[in-house]
Protein backbone atom coordinates (compact mmCIF):
# COMPACT_ATOMS: atom_id res chain seq x y z
CA MET A 1 1.47 -49.65 33.34
CA ALA A 2 4.21 -52.45 34.17
CA VAL A 3 7.76 -53.04 33.28
CA LEU A 4 8.10 -56.33 31.01
CA PRO A 5 10.78 -58.43 31.38
CA ILE A 6 13.11 -58.48 28.23
CA VAL A 7 13.84 -61.28 26.41
CA VAL A 8 17.94 -61.91 26.03
CA LEU A 9 19.51 -64.14 23.16
CA GLY A 10 18.94 -66.78 22.74
CA ASP A 11 15.12 -66.91 22.65
CA PRO A 12 13.72 -68.17 19.52
CA VAL A 13 11.09 -65.10 18.51
CA LEU A 14 13.95 -62.58 18.39
CA ARG A 15 14.91 -64.01 15.16
CA ALA A 16 10.86 -64.80 14.41
CA GLU A 17 9.57 -62.51 11.84
CA THR A 18 6.20 -60.33 13.41
CA ARG A 19 3.07 -60.31 11.94
CA PRO A 20 1.36 -57.26 10.77
CA VAL A 21 -1.14 -55.49 13.25
CA ALA A 22 -4.94 -54.85 11.98
CA ALA A 23 -6.17 -52.56 13.78
CA VAL A 24 -5.10 -50.67 16.69
CA THR A 25 -6.93 -52.58 20.43
CA ASP A 26 -7.27 -51.10 23.69
CA GLU A 27 -4.96 -54.03 24.57
CA LEU A 28 -2.57 -52.78 21.84
CA ARG A 29 -2.95 -49.56 23.42
CA THR A 30 -1.93 -50.60 27.28
CA LEU A 31 0.96 -53.36 25.46
CA VAL A 32 2.59 -49.61 24.28
CA ALA A 33 2.58 -48.24 27.02
CA ASP A 34 3.95 -50.71 29.10
CA MET A 35 7.03 -51.07 26.19
CA PHE A 36 8.02 -46.92 26.99
CA GLU A 37 7.78 -47.63 30.70
CA THR A 38 10.23 -50.99 29.95
CA MET A 39 12.43 -48.76 28.08
CA ARG A 40 12.81 -45.68 29.96
CA ALA A 41 12.97 -48.53 32.88
CA ALA A 42 16.29 -50.59 31.26
CA GLU A 43 17.57 -46.12 30.30
CA GLY A 44 17.00 -47.50 25.87
CA ILE A 45 15.69 -45.34 22.94
CA GLY A 46 14.24 -48.16 21.33
CA LEU A 47 11.92 -51.47 22.13
CA ALA A 48 10.62 -53.50 19.57
CA ALA A 49 7.99 -56.41 20.56
CA PRO A 50 9.58 -59.35 19.58
CA GLN A 51 12.59 -58.01 22.81
CA VAL A 52 8.97 -58.51 25.31
CA GLY A 53 8.13 -61.93 23.72
CA ARG A 54 5.21 -60.46 21.58
CA THR A 55 4.98 -60.84 17.83
CA GLU A 56 3.07 -58.20 16.65
CA ARG A 57 4.78 -55.74 14.00
CA LEU A 58 5.34 -52.20 16.36
CA CYS A 59 7.71 -50.70 18.56
CA VAL A 60 8.39 -47.95 20.79
CA VAL A 61 11.00 -45.03 19.60
CA GLU A 62 12.01 -41.24 21.87
CA VAL A 63 14.58 -39.79 21.17
CA GLU A 64 16.26 -36.40 21.69
CA GLY A 65 12.59 -35.72 23.48
CA GLN A 66 10.70 -37.37 20.70
CA ALA A 67 8.58 -40.31 20.82
CA PHE A 68 7.11 -42.68 18.44
CA THR A 69 4.31 -45.32 18.56
CA LEU A 70 5.31 -46.86 15.23
CA PHE A 71 2.21 -50.11 14.24
CA ASN A 72 3.34 -51.66 10.96
CA PRO A 73 5.89 -49.42 10.07
CA GLU A 74 8.55 -50.10 6.58
CA ILE A 75 11.35 -47.42 5.56
CA ILE A 76 10.46 -45.70 2.35
CA ALA A 77 12.67 -43.45 1.79
CA ARG A 78 16.72 -43.85 2.92
CA GLU A 79 19.86 -41.59 2.14
CA GLY A 80 22.88 -41.55 3.13
CA THR A 81 25.60 -43.56 5.44
CA ILE A 82 26.93 -42.84 9.01
CA LYS A 83 28.22 -45.29 11.63
CA TRP A 84 26.68 -45.48 14.89
CA GLU A 85 27.99 -47.45 18.04
CA GLU A 86 25.29 -49.85 18.86
CA GLY A 87 23.73 -51.87 21.20
CA CYS A 88 20.73 -53.89 22.26
CA LEU A 89 18.16 -54.47 25.43
CA SER A 90 17.93 -57.57 24.13
CA ILE A 91 21.86 -58.52 24.86
CA PRO A 92 22.98 -56.15 27.72
CA GLU A 93 26.80 -54.69 27.75
CA VAL A 94 27.41 -55.83 24.02
CA PHE A 95 28.04 -53.62 21.24
CA GLY A 96 29.47 -52.66 17.82
CA TRP A 97 29.26 -50.05 15.30
CA VAL A 98 26.71 -50.57 12.38
CA GLU A 99 26.46 -49.17 9.01
CA ARG A 100 22.87 -47.34 8.42
CA ALA A 101 21.45 -44.84 5.95
CA GLN A 102 21.65 -41.28 7.55
CA TYR A 103 17.92 -40.27 6.85
CA VAL A 104 15.26 -42.20 6.48
CA LYS A 105 11.38 -42.18 6.77
CA VAL A 106 8.75 -44.85 7.67
CA ARG A 107 5.44 -44.82 6.49
CA ALA A 108 3.29 -46.71 10.09
CA MET A 109 0.60 -46.55 11.70
CA ASP A 110 0.40 -44.84 15.22
CA LEU A 111 -1.40 -45.55 18.32
CA ASP A 112 -4.48 -44.11 17.53
CA GLY A 113 -4.34 -46.36 13.95
CA THR A 114 -4.02 -43.34 11.38
CA GLU A 115 -1.24 -43.38 8.86
CA ILE A 116 1.82 -41.54 9.58
CA GLU A 117 4.98 -40.52 8.81
CA VAL A 118 8.29 -40.01 10.62
CA GLU A 119 11.74 -38.67 9.26
CA GLY A 120 14.58 -39.80 10.96
CA ARG A 121 18.00 -37.89 11.28
CA ASP A 122 21.72 -39.42 12.71
CA LEU A 123 20.11 -40.97 16.29
CA LEU A 124 16.52 -40.99 15.15
CA ALA A 125 17.34 -43.26 11.87
CA VAL A 126 19.64 -45.66 13.27
CA CYS A 127 17.15 -46.27 16.26
CA MET A 128 13.96 -46.75 14.07
CA GLN A 129 16.48 -49.23 11.67
CA HIS A 130 17.51 -50.67 14.36
CA GLU A 131 14.06 -51.51 16.11
CA ILE A 132 12.07 -52.26 12.53
CA ASP A 133 15.26 -55.19 11.56
CA HIS A 134 14.35 -56.05 14.76
CA LEU A 135 10.48 -56.92 13.46
CA ASP A 136 12.11 -58.83 10.51
CA GLY A 137 14.01 -61.29 13.28
CA LYS A 138 18.11 -58.92 12.63
CA LEU A 139 19.94 -58.11 15.07
CA PHE A 140 22.44 -55.26 15.21
CA ILE A 141 25.58 -58.64 15.57
CA ASP A 142 23.55 -59.23 11.57
CA HIS A 143 25.25 -55.72 10.14
CA LEU A 144 28.82 -56.62 11.48
CA SER A 145 31.76 -58.53 10.64
CA PHE A 146 33.02 -61.72 10.73
CA LEU A 147 35.13 -60.84 13.07
CA LYS A 148 33.21 -57.94 15.11
CA LYS A 149 30.70 -60.25 15.50
CA ARG A 150 32.75 -63.00 16.86
CA ALA A 151 33.73 -60.86 19.20
CA ALA A 152 30.61 -59.53 20.14
CA MET A 153 29.64 -63.47 21.23
CA ALA A 154 32.27 -64.00 22.96
CA ALA A 155 31.27 -60.73 25.49
CA TRP A 156 27.55 -61.85 25.04
CA GLU A 157 29.22 -65.45 26.41
CA LYS A 158 30.28 -63.60 29.37
CA GLU A 159 27.22 -60.90 30.54
CA LYS A 160 24.35 -64.65 29.78
CA GLY A 161 24.76 -65.92 32.55
CA LYS A 162 23.59 -63.34 34.09
CA TYR A 163 19.89 -64.52 32.64
CA PRO A 164 19.56 -67.44 33.62
CA THR A 165 15.66 -67.27 32.58
CA GLY A 166 16.41 -65.83 29.11
CA LEU A 167 14.72 -62.42 30.66
CA ARG A 168 16.20 -58.93 31.90
CA ILE A 169 14.23 -58.47 35.62
CA LEU A 170 13.84 -54.56 35.41
CA VAL A 171 13.11 -52.81 38.48
CA PRO A 172 11.28 -49.66 37.69
CA GLY A 173 13.29 -46.85 40.28
CA GLU A 174 16.73 -49.38 39.90
CA LYS A 175 19.79 -48.76 37.68
CA ALA A 176 19.27 -50.88 34.80
CA GLU A 177 21.83 -53.23 34.24
């Protein structure tokens, strides 16, 4: 397993739609293992393929001890609303309150290529919606009001200088910045 560089805001891959995965291959299983390793090194709870510079429709989430690999995820049911303060591994140190569905049911393929349905409430629901947004080229800041988005972008202007290459490089065992 390897910790991959995380693409930060400004890279076009974060705004591109991903392409569906036809079959789960060994190469993709390795990518999934690397994505989990990267997400954990960054102290995150979700990571989408575009965040590591890839175009596959794939994300990983791990919330409260539940870990899921989601190939081609789609939300098939949603209920209620919840406001949650979100951040993003691709926009470090920038946060905003986002309103999302409190409950979602997601259909996807798992690591074996088997179709699964995952139900999530509260934080797990928010995390899956956030990661699926990434697969559609959307970021959490797109859900903010004009003024809150402007404030978030001003905060990012102060942070982005830490990533002159457009990549967030993590070192396993070191505290994520």
